[in-house]
Amino acid sequence: MISIRVPATTANIGPGYDVLGAALTLYASFEAELSEKLEISGCPEEFQNEDNLVIRAYKKTLSDCGKDYVPIRLAIDTNVPIARGLGSSSTCIAAGVLAADSLHGLGLSRDRIVSICTEIEGHPDNVAPAVYGGVVAGFSDGKDIHTIRYTPDEGWRFVTVIPDYEVHTEEARRVVKKEIELSDGIYSTGHVLGLIRALETGDEELLSAACRDILHEPYRKGLIKDYEKARKLALENGAATFFISGSGSTLMAAVKAGEREEAVLAAFREAFPSYEVMTLRICHEGAIVKDI
């Protein structure tokens, strides 16, 4: 039997749409072992079958590696909410690929694991940080997945509001423009480069200037009724910047550890008493697999 722990992620950070993601200190845990028949616990009954995303990723990995499918007994224990923009699907995909690799001794490299995960997810901005940890940028050249890993400043804190309603990725993608002006592409390129530098150095002024998006947030914020209120509170209480996590509905304020972090946290808790409000940090180690 093995245990797998996969971090939640925040993707599309500011101008890093479909490119930039970070692993967070919020986790989904899985236990798996080979079995004579498929058994799944820890999730709604409707997902206790071969359509479960963990099992789909597990089966695809075996197929890609030329191995026969062997059922598993799977126990799921997750703190990552579904359809809130925190990479819940990526935790399941990564767990399935890692389970296949570990239980069947496939010897896959982390790069190959990320590649398989990306084939399933469609883009690497969630799955890459879930596997590697830290802050990761990723892109495909049509054949291979390329990832660039960054080490962010340890002082960053992400004060997080998780509303009690969902925003599905499909809906969030529908509202985003499919074509953009050249000037918008130039704007986004420059800003995402500055954003990465600010995360690495801890430069709050640079982060405030660089974490400004024109590709997705102006359209997606309309799907999140609390966006404007939370943004105003975050910036009034000293956050360096504010952004939608993934496609939402989760919202995040980036701030350095200390009094302003506590001020933003208190303001969010007072304003949104029925929502989950917490402070998260960057998870540097990524997914972990252990024998039990």
Protein backbone atom coordinates (compact mmCIF):
# COMPACT_ATOMS: atom_id res chain seq x y z
CA MET A 1 0.00 0.00 0.00
CA ILE A 2 1.14 3.52 -0.75
CA SER A 3 0.10 6.99 0.36
CA ILE A 4 0.12 9.94 -2.00
CA ARG A 5 -0.14 13.57 -0.96
CA VAL A 6 -0.74 16.17 -3.65
CA PRO A 7 -0.89 19.93 -3.02
CA ALA A 8 -3.65 22.20 -4.20
CA THR A 9 -2.63 24.76 -6.78
CA THR A 10 -3.45 28.26 -7.89
CA ALA A 11 -3.19 28.77 -11.64
CA ASN A 12 -3.70 31.58 -14.16
CA ILE A 13 -1.97 33.83 -11.62
CA GLY A 14 -2.71 37.39 -12.75
CA PRO A 15 -1.48 37.67 -16.36
CA GLY A 16 -0.20 34.08 -16.36
CA TYR A 17 -3.31 32.69 -18.05
CA ASP A 18 -2.90 28.95 -18.81
CA VAL A 19 0.84 29.39 -18.18
CA LEU A 20 1.73 30.06 -14.54
CA GLY A 21 0.78 28.13 -11.41
CA ALA A 22 1.91 27.56 -7.84
CA ALA A 23 1.56 24.70 -5.36
CA LEU A 24 -0.07 25.60 -2.05
CA THR A 25 -0.09 24.28 1.51
CA LEU A 26 -3.53 22.68 1.16
CA TYR A 27 -3.57 18.97 0.37
CA ALA A 28 -5.41 15.99 -1.03
CA SER A 29 -4.32 12.59 0.31
CA PHE A 30 -4.81 9.18 -1.24
CA GLU A 31 -4.04 5.61 -0.20
CA ALA A 32 -3.86 2.90 -2.85
CA GLU A 33 -3.04 -0.76 -3.15
CA LEU A 34 -3.51 -3.46 -5.80
CA SER A 35 -6.74 -5.38 -5.43
CA GLU A 36 -8.85 -8.05 -7.08
CA LYS A 37 -11.59 -5.53 -7.77
CA LEU A 38 -11.94 -1.77 -7.86
CA GLU A 39 -12.90 -0.27 -4.50
CA ILE A 40 -13.11 3.46 -3.81
CA SER A 41 -13.94 5.26 -0.59
CA GLY A 42 -13.85 8.85 0.61
CA CYS A 43 -15.84 10.38 -2.24
CA PRO A 44 -19.53 10.49 -3.27
CA GLU A 45 -20.93 7.19 -4.49
CA GLU A 46 -21.38 8.56 -8.01
CA PHE A 47 -17.57 8.74 -8.32
CA GLN A 48 -16.85 5.30 -6.86
CA ASN A 49 -16.33 3.69 -10.27
CA GLU A 50 -13.99 3.67 -13.24
CA ASP A 51 -15.08 7.19 -14.22
CA ASN A 52 -13.29 8.48 -11.12
CA LEU A 53 -10.58 10.84 -12.34
CA VAL A 54 -7.90 9.11 -10.26
CA ILE A 55 -8.76 5.78 -11.89
CA ARG A 56 -8.90 7.27 -15.38
CA ALA A 57 -5.40 8.71 -14.90
CA TYR A 58 -4.19 5.43 -13.41
CA LYS A 59 -5.54 3.42 -16.38
CA LYS A 60 -4.14 5.84 -18.99
CA THR A 61 -0.69 5.68 -17.44
CA LEU A 62 -0.68 1.88 -17.52
CA SER A 63 -1.91 1.89 -21.11
CA ASP A 64 0.73 4.42 -22.20
CA CYS A 65 3.40 2.23 -20.62
CA GLY A 66 2.12 -0.98 -22.21
CA LYS A 67 0.89 -2.47 -18.93
CA ASP A 68 -2.34 -4.33 -18.27
CA TYR A 69 -4.90 -2.76 -15.99
CA VAL A 70 -5.02 -4.14 -12.45
CA PRO A 71 -7.77 -2.86 -10.11
CA ILE A 72 -6.85 -0.97 -6.96
CA ARG A 73 -8.37 -0.20 -3.61
CA LEU A 74 -8.39 3.59 -3.30
CA ALA A 75 -9.12 5.77 -0.26
CA ILE A 76 -9.47 9.52 -0.78
CA ASP A 77 -9.12 12.18 1.93
CA THR A 78 -9.03 15.69 0.50
CA ASN A 79 -9.17 19.21 1.84
CA VAL A 80 -9.19 20.67 -1.69
CA PRO A 81 -12.73 21.79 -2.59
CA ILE A 82 -14.19 20.87 -5.98
CA ALA A 83 -14.74 23.50 -8.69
CA ARG A 84 -13.30 26.37 -6.65
CA GLY A 85 -10.16 27.10 -8.70
CA LEU A 86 -7.72 25.25 -6.45
CA GLY A 87 -6.74 22.40 -8.75
CA SER A 88 -8.93 19.65 -7.34
CA SER A 89 -8.91 17.80 -10.67
CA SER A 90 -5.12 18.07 -10.88
CA THR A 91 -4.69 16.46 -7.46
CA CYS A 92 -6.72 13.47 -8.71
CA ILE A 93 -4.90 13.25 -12.03
CA ALA A 94 -1.48 13.42 -10.37
CA ALA A 95 -2.53 10.82 -7.79
CA GLY A 96 -3.65 8.40 -10.50
CA VAL A 97 -0.44 8.72 -12.51
CA LEU A 98 1.73 8.44 -9.41
CA ALA A 99 -0.24 5.39 -8.21
CA ALA A 100 0.36 3.61 -11.51
CA ASP A 101 4.04 4.52 -11.44
CA SER A 102 4.60 3.38 -7.85
CA LEU A 103 2.37 0.30 -7.66
CA HIS A 104 3.66 -1.10 -10.95
CA GLY A 105 7.30 0.00 -10.71
CA LEU A 106 7.20 1.97 -13.94
CA GLY A 107 10.14 4.18 -13.00
CA LEU A 108 8.68 7.30 -14.61
CA SER A 109 10.60 10.55 -14.31
CA ARG A 110 8.80 13.55 -12.87
CA ASP A 111 8.94 15.15 -16.31
CA ARG A 112 7.17 12.15 -17.85
CA ILE A 113 4.60 12.19 -15.05
CA VAL A 114 3.87 15.86 -15.75
CA SER A 115 3.59 15.10 -19.46
CA ILE A 116 0.97 12.38 -18.88
CA CYS A 117 -0.91 14.60 -16.44
CA THR A 118 -0.93 17.42 -18.99
CA GLU A 119 -2.33 15.15 -21.70
CA ILE A 120 -5.26 14.45 -19.39
CA GLU A 121 -5.73 17.97 -18.01
CA GLY A 122 -5.10 19.80 -21.28
CA HIS A 123 -2.59 22.36 -19.97
CA PRO A 124 0.26 22.26 -17.42
CA ASP A 125 -0.42 25.29 -15.22
CA ASN A 126 -2.13 23.22 -12.50
CA VAL A 127 -0.61 19.76 -12.87
CA ALA A 128 3.02 20.90 -13.12
CA PRO A 129 3.14 22.69 -9.74
CA ALA A 130 1.06 19.88 -8.20
CA VAL A 131 3.81 17.41 -9.15
CA TYR A 132 6.92 19.57 -8.81
CA GLY A 133 5.90 22.05 -6.12
CA GLY A 134 6.86 25.72 -6.07
CA VAL A 135 5.99 28.16 -8.83
CA VAL A 136 6.00 26.68 -12.33
CA ALA A 137 5.51 28.08 -15.82
CA GLY A 138 4.72 25.64 -18.57
CA PHE A 139 3.99 25.44 -22.28
CA SER A 140 3.69 22.90 -25.06
CA ASP A 141 5.47 23.09 -28.41
CA GLY A 142 2.89 20.75 -29.89
CA LYS A 143 4.96 17.70 -29.06
CA ASP A 144 6.63 18.11 -25.68
CA ILE A 145 5.72 19.85 -22.43
CA HIS A 146 8.32 22.33 -21.21
CA THR A 147 8.29 23.55 -17.62
CA ILE A 148 10.34 26.21 -15.86
CA ARG A 149 10.49 26.09 -12.08
CA TYR A 150 11.02 29.11 -9.86
CA THR A 151 11.79 29.47 -6.17
CA PRO A 152 9.59 32.20 -4.68
CA ASP A 153 10.52 34.36 -1.73
CA GLU A 154 9.60 32.64 1.56
CA GLY A 155 7.81 35.72 2.87
CA TRP A 156 4.79 35.54 0.57
CA ARG A 157 1.44 34.64 2.06
CA PHE A 158 -1.76 34.08 0.11
CA VAL A 159 -4.81 35.08 2.12
CA THR A 160 -7.56 33.02 0.57
CA VAL A 161 -11.35 33.29 0.39
CA ILE A 162 -13.18 30.14 -0.74
CA PRO A 163 -16.86 30.98 -1.43
CA ASP A 164 -19.61 28.43 -0.96
CA TYR A 165 -20.46 28.37 -4.68
CA GLU A 166 -18.75 26.80 -7.67
CA VAL A 167 -17.39 28.23 -10.91
CA HIS A 168 -16.85 25.46 -13.42
CA THR A 169 -13.86 25.71 -15.76
CA GLU A 170 -16.04 25.22 -18.84
CA GLU A 171 -18.21 28.19 -17.89
CA ALA A 172 -15.17 30.34 -17.08
CA ARG A 173 -13.59 29.55 -20.44
CA ARG A 174 -16.74 30.47 -22.33
CA VAL A 175 -16.66 34.07 -21.13
CA VAL A 176 -13.02 34.70 -22.13
CA LYS A 177 -12.30 36.18 -25.57
CA LYS A 178 -10.87 33.69 -28.09
CA GLU A 179 -8.85 36.29 -30.00
CA ILE A 180 -6.82 39.21 -28.68
CA GLU A 181 -5.09 42.29 -30.05
CA LEU A 182 -1.32 42.29 -30.51
CA SER A 183 -1.06 45.04 -27.89
CA ASP A 184 -2.81 42.79 -25.36
CA GLY A 185 -0.32 40.00 -26.02
CA ILE A 186 2.59 42.39 -25.51
CA TYR A 187 1.02 43.74 -22.32
CA SER A 188 0.57 40.23 -20.91
CA THR A 189 4.08 39.06 -21.81
CA GLY A 190 5.72 41.98 -20.06
CA HIS A 191 3.51 41.71 -17.00
CA VAL A 192 3.97 37.98 -16.48
CA LEU A 193 7.75 38.37 -16.65
CA GLY A 194 7.57 41.06 -13.99
CA LEU A 195 5.22 38.92 -11.91
CA ILE A 196 7.64 36.00 -11.85
CA ARG A 197 10.52 38.26 -10.87
CA ALA A 198 8.45 39.79 -8.06
CA LEU A 199 7.51 36.37 -6.69
CA GLU A 200 11.17 35.34 -6.69
CA THR A 201 12.53 38.48 -5.05
CA GLY A 202 9.69 39.36 -2.70
CA ASP A 203 9.30 42.77 -4.33
CA GLU A 204 5.81 43.94 -3.31
CA GLU A 205 5.89 47.09 -5.42
CA LEU A 206 6.79 45.12 -8.53
CA LEU A 207 4.16 42.48 -7.79
CA SER A 208 1.52 45.19 -7.43
CA ALA A 209 2.45 46.64 -10.82
CA ALA A 210 2.92 43.33 -12.65
CA CYS A 211 -0.02 41.23 -11.41
CA ARG A 212 -2.56 42.96 -13.62
CA ASP A 213 -4.48 40.92 -16.15
CA ILE A 214 -6.50 41.86 -19.21
CA LEU A 215 -7.04 38.40 -20.74
CA HIS A 216 -9.31 36.58 -18.29
CA GLU A 217 -10.03 38.36 -15.01
CA PRO A 218 -12.09 41.23 -16.51
CA TYR A 219 -14.49 38.60 -17.87
CA ARG A 220 -14.40 36.01 -15.11
CA LYS A 221 -14.89 38.42 -12.23
CA GLY A 222 -18.52 38.71 -13.29
CA LEU A 223 -18.99 35.05 -12.35
CA ILE A 224 -17.82 35.74 -8.78
CA LYS A 225 -20.23 37.98 -6.91
CA ASP A 226 -17.73 38.70 -4.12
CA TYR A 227 -14.84 39.77 -6.38
CA GLU A 228 -15.08 43.55 -6.06
CA LYS A 229 -15.78 43.52 -2.33
CA ALA A 230 -12.89 41.17 -1.59
CA ARG A 231 -10.50 43.06 -3.85
CA LYS A 232 -11.29 46.37 -2.16
CA LEU A 233 -10.77 44.89 1.31
CA ALA A 234 -7.49 43.24 0.31
CA LEU A 235 -5.92 46.37 -1.12
CA GLU A 236 -7.23 48.65 1.65
CA ASN A 237 -5.60 46.39 4.23
CA GLY A 238 -2.18 46.31 2.60
CA ALA A 239 -2.14 43.40 0.16
CA ALA A 240 0.38 43.75 -2.66
CA THR A 241 -2.10 42.35 -5.17
CA PHE A 242 -5.32 40.41 -5.57
CA PHE A 243 -6.34 37.79 -8.12
CA ILE A 244 -8.75 34.99 -9.02
CA SER A 245 -7.36 31.53 -8.26
CA GLY A 246 -7.69 29.36 -11.33
CA SER A 247 -11.10 29.99 -12.86
CA GLY A 248 -12.63 30.80 -9.45
CA SER A 249 -14.57 31.09 -7.30
CA THR A 250 -11.60 31.21 -4.89
CA LEU A 251 -9.99 34.64 -4.49
CA MET A 252 -6.49 35.40 -3.19
CA ALA A 253 -4.62 38.36 -1.80
CA ALA A 254 -0.82 38.18 -1.95
CA VAL A 255 0.90 39.88 0.98
CA LYS A 256 4.13 39.55 2.92
CA ALA A 257 3.97 37.77 6.27
CA GLY A 258 3.25 40.03 9.23
CA GLU A 259 0.78 42.65 10.36
CA ARG A 260 -0.73 43.32 6.94
CA GLU A 261 -1.27 39.60 6.41
CA GLU A 262 -3.19 39.48 9.68
CA ALA A 263 -5.16 42.60 8.74
CA VAL A 264 -6.27 41.12 5.40
CA LEU A 265 -7.14 37.82 7.07
CA ALA A 266 -9.26 39.56 9.72
CA ALA A 267 -11.02 41.73 7.14
CA PHE A 268 -11.91 38.71 5.01
CA ARG A 269 -13.18 36.75 8.00
CA GLU A 270 -15.38 39.61 9.12
CA ALA A 271 -16.76 40.26 5.62
CA PHE A 272 -17.29 36.60 4.66
CA PRO A 273 -18.22 34.72 7.84
CA SER A 274 -19.85 31.80 5.99
CA TYR A 275 -16.90 31.21 3.64
CA GLU A 276 -13.63 29.38 4.25
CA VAL A 277 -10.91 31.95 4.86
CA MET A 278 -7.31 30.90 5.41
CA THR A 279 -3.71 31.84 4.81
CA LEU A 280 -1.73 29.58 2.49
CA ARG A 281 1.96 29.46 1.62
CA ILE A 282 3.85 28.00 -1.32
CA CYS A 283 4.34 24.23 -1.07
CA HIS A 284 7.88 23.59 -2.28
CA GLU A 285 8.04 19.77 -2.33
CA GLY A 286 5.09 18.99 -4.60
CA ALA A 287 3.49 15.53 -4.68
CA ILE A 288 4.90 12.95 -2.25
CA VAL A 289 4.56 9.15 -2.47
CA LYS A 290 5.33 6.91 0.50
CA ASP A 291 5.05 3.21 1.26
CA ILE A 292 2.72 2.41 4.14
